[in-house]
Amino acid sequence: MNARSGNPAAETGTDRRGEGVRPEPPRWARWLRRALLWGVGLLYAASIPWYRGDAPPARLFGLPDWVAIAILCYAAAAILNSIAWLLTDVPEPTADEEARRP
C-alpha cells in the first residue's frame, strides 16, 4: 500500500482486476490546479463592479471601464480554467463501464 495515497494500486500500477492504473499526478500539478481555480474565483469576484461611484465611468476600448474590466476578467478566468482542466486527470472508462452504457 502506498503510504502517501493509501492506494494499494499506486504501488503496483494495477487495480484489483489487473488493469493498468494511471499514476497520481505530481504534487506541484495538484497545487497549481488548486491555485488556478482560486484565481478563477478571484477574477469572478473582481469582475463585479463593487467600486462604482457617482462619477461618470471612464472609457476603455470604447466601453465603460467597468464593462471592459468585467470582460477582461471573464477572458482571463476562461484561460486559467482551461489550464486547470489540462492539469485535471479524467479517468478513462473501463470496458465494463462502456458495456453498461445505454
N, C-alpha and C. Protein backbone atom coordinates (compact mmCIF):
# COMPACT_ATOMS: atom_id res chain seq x y z
N MET A 1 0.85 -1.17 0.00
CA MET A 1 0.00 0.00 0.00
C MET A 1 0.89 1.23 0.00
N ASN A 2 0.53 2.19 -0.81
CA ASN A 2 1.29 3.42 -0.88
C ASN A 2 0.98 4.27 0.34
N ALA A 3 2.01 4.63 1.09
CA ALA A 3 1.80 5.37 2.33
C ALA A 3 1.27 6.77 2.07
N ARG A 4 1.66 7.35 0.96
CA ARG A 4 1.22 8.73 0.70
C ARG A 4 -0.25 8.78 0.31
N SER A 5 -0.69 7.89 -0.55
CA SER A 5 -2.06 7.97 -1.05
C SER A 5 -3.01 6.99 -0.38
N GLY A 6 -2.49 5.96 0.26
CA GLY A 6 -3.37 4.95 0.84
C GLY A 6 -3.97 4.05 -0.21
N ASN A 7 -3.43 4.09 -1.42
CA ASN A 7 -3.96 3.35 -2.54
C ASN A 7 -3.02 2.18 -2.85
N PRO A 8 -3.49 0.92 -2.69
CA PRO A 8 -2.61 -0.19 -2.99
C PRO A 8 -2.24 -0.27 -4.46
N ALA A 9 -3.08 0.26 -5.33
CA ALA A 9 -2.81 0.19 -6.76
C ALA A 9 -1.68 1.13 -7.17
N ALA A 10 -1.45 2.18 -6.39
CA ALA A 10 -0.41 3.15 -6.76
C ALA A 10 0.97 2.51 -6.73
N GLU A 11 1.15 1.51 -5.88
CA GLU A 11 2.44 0.85 -5.77
C GLU A 11 2.66 -0.13 -6.91
N THR A 12 1.64 -0.90 -7.23
CA THR A 12 1.79 -1.96 -8.23
C THR A 12 1.53 -1.50 -9.64
N GLY A 13 0.79 -0.41 -9.82
CA GLY A 13 0.45 0.07 -11.15
C GLY A 13 -0.73 -0.67 -11.75
N THR A 14 -1.41 -1.50 -10.98
CA THR A 14 -2.60 -2.19 -11.47
C THR A 14 -3.71 -2.07 -10.43
N ASP A 15 -4.94 -2.23 -10.88
CA ASP A 15 -6.05 -2.23 -9.93
C ASP A 15 -6.41 -3.66 -9.57
N ARG A 16 -7.53 -3.85 -8.90
CA ARG A 16 -7.92 -5.18 -8.43
C ARG A 16 -8.14 -6.17 -9.56
N ARG A 17 -8.57 -5.66 -10.71
CA ARG A 17 -8.83 -6.54 -11.85
C ARG A 17 -7.57 -6.80 -12.66
N GLY A 18 -6.46 -6.19 -12.27
CA GLY A 18 -5.22 -6.38 -13.01
C GLY A 18 -5.06 -5.41 -14.16
N GLU A 19 -5.99 -4.46 -14.29
CA GLU A 19 -5.88 -3.49 -15.36
C GLU A 19 -4.94 -2.37 -14.93
N GLY A 20 -4.32 -1.71 -15.89
CA GLY A 20 -3.38 -0.64 -15.60
C GLY A 20 -4.06 0.55 -14.94
N VAL A 21 -3.34 1.21 -14.06
CA VAL A 21 -3.83 2.39 -13.38
C VAL A 21 -2.86 3.53 -13.65
N ARG A 22 -3.40 4.70 -13.91
CA ARG A 22 -2.55 5.86 -14.12
C ARG A 22 -1.88 6.25 -12.81
N PRO A 23 -0.65 6.68 -12.88
CA PRO A 23 0.00 7.17 -11.65
C PRO A 23 -0.65 8.47 -11.20
N GLU A 24 -0.53 8.78 -9.92
CA GLU A 24 -1.08 10.01 -9.40
C GLU A 24 -0.33 11.20 -10.01
N PRO A 25 -1.04 12.32 -10.20
CA PRO A 25 -0.35 13.50 -10.74
C PRO A 25 0.67 14.01 -9.73
N PRO A 26 1.71 14.67 -10.21
CA PRO A 26 2.71 15.19 -9.27
C PRO A 26 2.10 16.22 -8.32
N ARG A 27 2.74 16.36 -7.20
CA ARG A 27 2.22 17.26 -6.16
C ARG A 27 2.12 18.70 -6.67
N TRP A 28 3.11 19.14 -7.46
CA TRP A 28 3.08 20.52 -7.95
C TRP A 28 1.89 20.75 -8.87
N ALA A 29 1.47 19.73 -9.61
CA ALA A 29 0.34 19.89 -10.52
C ALA A 29 -0.96 20.07 -9.73
N ARG A 30 -1.08 19.33 -8.63
CA ARG A 30 -2.28 19.50 -7.80
C ARG A 30 -2.33 20.88 -7.18
N TRP A 31 -1.18 21.39 -6.70
CA TRP A 31 -1.16 22.72 -6.10
C TRP A 31 -1.40 23.79 -7.16
N LEU A 32 -0.82 23.64 -8.33
CA LEU A 32 -1.01 24.61 -9.40
C LEU A 32 -2.47 24.64 -9.83
N ARG A 33 -3.08 23.47 -9.96
CA ARG A 33 -4.50 23.41 -10.34
C ARG A 33 -5.36 24.11 -9.31
N ARG A 34 -5.08 23.86 -8.04
CA ARG A 34 -5.84 24.50 -6.96
C ARG A 34 -5.65 26.02 -6.99
N ALA A 35 -4.43 26.48 -7.23
CA ALA A 35 -4.16 27.92 -7.30
C ALA A 35 -4.87 28.55 -8.50
N LEU A 36 -4.87 27.84 -9.62
CA LEU A 36 -5.56 28.36 -10.80
C LEU A 36 -7.06 28.49 -10.55
N LEU A 37 -7.65 27.51 -9.89
CA LEU A 37 -9.09 27.58 -9.61
C LEU A 37 -9.40 28.71 -8.63
N TRP A 38 -8.53 28.93 -7.66
CA TRP A 38 -8.70 30.08 -6.76
C TRP A 38 -8.60 31.38 -7.57
N GLY A 39 -7.67 31.42 -8.51
CA GLY A 39 -7.54 32.60 -9.36
C GLY A 39 -8.79 32.87 -10.18
N VAL A 40 -9.42 31.80 -10.67
CA VAL A 40 -10.67 31.95 -11.41
C VAL A 40 -11.73 32.58 -10.51
N GLY A 41 -11.84 32.08 -9.28
CA GLY A 41 -12.82 32.64 -8.34
C GLY A 41 -12.55 34.10 -8.03
N LEU A 42 -11.28 34.44 -7.84
CA LEU A 42 -10.94 35.83 -7.56
C LEU A 42 -11.22 36.74 -8.76
N LEU A 43 -10.98 36.23 -9.96
CA LEU A 43 -11.30 37.02 -11.15
C LEU A 43 -12.80 37.25 -11.29
N TYR A 44 -13.60 36.24 -10.97
CA TYR A 44 -15.05 36.44 -11.00
C TYR A 44 -15.48 37.49 -9.97
N ALA A 45 -14.87 37.46 -8.79
CA ALA A 45 -15.19 38.47 -7.78
C ALA A 45 -14.73 39.85 -8.23
N ALA A 46 -13.58 39.93 -8.89
CA ALA A 46 -13.07 41.23 -9.37
C ALA A 46 -13.91 41.78 -10.51
N SER A 47 -14.61 40.91 -11.23
CA SER A 47 -15.39 41.38 -12.37
C SER A 47 -16.68 42.09 -11.95
N ILE A 48 -17.08 41.93 -10.70
CA ILE A 48 -18.29 42.60 -10.20
C ILE A 48 -17.92 44.06 -9.90
N PRO A 49 -18.67 44.99 -10.42
CA PRO A 49 -18.28 46.41 -10.24
C PRO A 49 -18.61 46.93 -8.84
N TRP A 50 -17.86 46.48 -7.84
CA TRP A 50 -18.06 46.93 -6.47
C TRP A 50 -17.69 48.40 -6.30
N TYR A 51 -16.76 48.84 -7.09
CA TYR A 51 -16.10 50.13 -6.90
C TYR A 51 -16.78 51.28 -7.61
N ARG A 52 -17.93 51.04 -8.21
CA ARG A 52 -18.59 52.10 -8.98
C ARG A 52 -19.06 53.21 -8.05
N GLY A 53 -18.68 54.39 -8.41
CA GLY A 53 -19.08 55.55 -7.62
C GLY A 53 -20.11 56.37 -8.37
N ASP A 54 -20.27 57.62 -7.95
CA ASP A 54 -21.24 58.51 -8.59
C ASP A 54 -20.68 59.20 -9.82
N ALA A 55 -19.36 59.14 -9.99
CA ALA A 55 -18.73 59.80 -11.13
C ALA A 55 -19.07 59.05 -12.42
N PRO A 56 -19.12 59.76 -13.53
CA PRO A 56 -19.37 59.07 -14.80
C PRO A 56 -18.22 58.11 -15.10
N PRO A 57 -18.53 56.95 -15.68
CA PRO A 57 -17.47 55.96 -15.91
C PRO A 57 -16.48 56.41 -16.98
N ALA A 58 -15.25 56.04 -16.79
CA ALA A 58 -14.22 56.29 -17.80
C ALA A 58 -14.43 55.32 -18.97
N ARG A 59 -13.75 55.58 -20.05
CA ARG A 59 -13.91 54.73 -21.24
C ARG A 59 -12.63 53.94 -21.49
N LEU A 60 -12.78 52.63 -21.69
CA LEU A 60 -11.69 51.75 -22.10
C LEU A 60 -12.17 50.97 -23.31
N PHE A 61 -11.43 51.06 -24.40
CA PHE A 61 -11.80 50.36 -25.64
C PHE A 61 -13.20 50.74 -26.11
N GLY A 62 -13.62 51.96 -25.81
CA GLY A 62 -14.94 52.42 -26.23
C GLY A 62 -16.08 51.96 -25.34
N LEU A 63 -15.77 51.28 -24.26
CA LEU A 63 -16.78 50.77 -23.33
C LEU A 63 -16.60 51.44 -21.98
N PRO A 64 -17.65 51.48 -21.17
CA PRO A 64 -17.45 51.95 -19.80
C PRO A 64 -16.40 51.09 -19.11
N ASP A 65 -15.62 51.70 -18.23
CA ASP A 65 -14.49 50.98 -17.63
C ASP A 65 -14.92 49.70 -16.92
N TRP A 66 -16.05 49.72 -16.25
CA TRP A 66 -16.46 48.51 -15.51
C TRP A 66 -16.84 47.38 -16.45
N VAL A 67 -17.35 47.70 -17.64
CA VAL A 67 -17.68 46.67 -18.62
C VAL A 67 -16.40 46.07 -19.20
N ALA A 68 -15.44 46.92 -19.54
CA ALA A 68 -14.17 46.43 -20.10
C ALA A 68 -13.43 45.57 -19.08
N ILE A 69 -13.42 45.99 -17.82
CA ILE A 69 -12.75 45.22 -16.78
C ILE A 69 -13.44 43.87 -16.59
N ALA A 70 -14.77 43.86 -16.60
CA ALA A 70 -15.50 42.60 -16.44
C ALA A 70 -15.20 41.65 -17.60
N ILE A 71 -15.17 42.15 -18.82
CA ILE A 71 -14.89 41.30 -19.98
C ILE A 71 -13.46 40.74 -19.91
N LEU A 72 -12.50 41.58 -19.53
CA LEU A 72 -11.12 41.11 -19.39
C LEU A 72 -11.00 40.06 -18.28
N CYS A 73 -11.72 40.25 -17.17
CA CYS A 73 -11.71 39.25 -16.09
C CYS A 73 -12.30 37.93 -16.56
N TYR A 74 -13.39 37.98 -17.32
CA TYR A 74 -14.00 36.75 -17.82
C TYR A 74 -13.07 36.02 -18.78
N ALA A 75 -12.38 36.78 -19.64
CA ALA A 75 -11.44 36.15 -20.58
C ALA A 75 -10.27 35.52 -19.82
N ALA A 76 -9.74 36.22 -18.81
CA ALA A 76 -8.64 35.66 -18.02
C ALA A 76 -9.10 34.44 -17.23
N ALA A 77 -10.34 34.47 -16.72
CA ALA A 77 -10.88 33.31 -15.99
C ALA A 77 -11.01 32.10 -16.92
N ALA A 78 -11.42 32.34 -18.16
CA ALA A 78 -11.53 31.23 -19.12
C ALA A 78 -10.17 30.62 -19.41
N ILE A 79 -9.15 31.46 -19.54
CA ILE A 79 -7.80 30.95 -19.81
C ILE A 79 -7.28 30.15 -18.62
N LEU A 80 -7.43 30.69 -17.40
CA LEU A 80 -6.97 29.96 -16.21
C LEU A 80 -7.73 28.65 -16.04
N ASN A 81 -9.03 28.67 -16.32
CA ASN A 81 -9.83 27.46 -16.19
C ASN A 81 -9.40 26.40 -17.21
N SER A 82 -9.05 26.82 -18.42
CA SER A 82 -8.61 25.84 -19.41
C SER A 82 -7.26 25.23 -19.02
N ILE A 83 -6.38 26.03 -18.43
CA ILE A 83 -5.10 25.48 -17.96
C ILE A 83 -5.34 24.51 -16.82
N ALA A 84 -6.27 24.85 -15.91
CA ALA A 84 -6.59 23.95 -14.80
C ALA A 84 -7.15 22.63 -15.32
N TRP A 85 -7.96 22.66 -16.37
CA TRP A 85 -8.51 21.43 -16.94
C TRP A 85 -7.42 20.58 -17.60
N LEU A 86 -6.40 21.22 -18.14
CA LEU A 86 -5.28 20.46 -18.70
C LEU A 86 -4.55 19.68 -17.62
N LEU A 87 -4.57 20.19 -16.39
CA LEU A 87 -3.90 19.53 -15.27
C LEU A 87 -4.80 18.53 -14.56
N THR A 88 -6.06 18.43 -14.96
CA THR A 88 -7.02 17.54 -14.32
C THR A 88 -6.93 16.15 -14.93
N ASP A 89 -6.84 15.15 -14.09
CA ASP A 89 -6.78 13.77 -14.55
C ASP A 89 -8.20 13.22 -14.63
N VAL A 90 -8.67 12.97 -15.84
CA VAL A 90 -10.00 12.41 -16.06
C VAL A 90 -9.82 10.95 -16.45
N PRO A 91 -10.27 10.01 -15.59
CA PRO A 91 -10.04 8.60 -15.90
C PRO A 91 -10.87 8.14 -17.09
N GLU A 92 -10.28 7.25 -17.84
CA GLU A 92 -10.97 6.66 -18.99
C GLU A 92 -11.91 5.57 -18.47
N PRO A 93 -13.08 5.41 -19.09
CA PRO A 93 -13.99 4.36 -18.64
C PRO A 93 -13.42 2.97 -18.95
N THR A 94 -13.71 2.03 -18.07
CA THR A 94 -13.26 0.66 -18.28
C THR A 94 -14.18 -0.03 -19.29
N ALA A 95 -13.81 -1.22 -19.71
CA ALA A 95 -14.62 -1.97 -20.67
C ALA A 95 -15.98 -2.31 -20.07
N ASP A 96 -16.01 -2.62 -18.76
CA ASP A 96 -17.29 -2.92 -18.10
C ASP A 96 -18.21 -1.70 -18.11
N GLU A 97 -17.66 -0.55 -17.84
CA GLU A 97 -18.47 0.67 -17.84
C GLU A 97 -18.97 1.00 -19.24
N GLU A 98 -18.15 0.77 -20.24
CA GLU A 98 -18.57 1.01 -21.63
C GLU A 98 -19.70 0.06 -22.02
N ALA A 99 -19.64 -1.21 -21.56
CA ALA A 99 -20.67 -2.18 -21.90
C ALA A 99 -22.00 -1.84 -21.25
N ARG A 100 -21.97 -1.19 -20.09
CA ARG A 100 -23.20 -0.85 -19.38
C ARG A 100 -23.86 0.41 -19.91
N ARG A 101 -23.18 1.14 -20.78
CA ARG A 101 -23.77 2.37 -21.31
C ARG A 101 -24.97 2.07 -22.17
N PRO A 102 -26.01 2.88 -22.08
CA PRO A 102 -27.20 2.63 -22.94
C PRO A 102 -26.95 2.98 -24.38
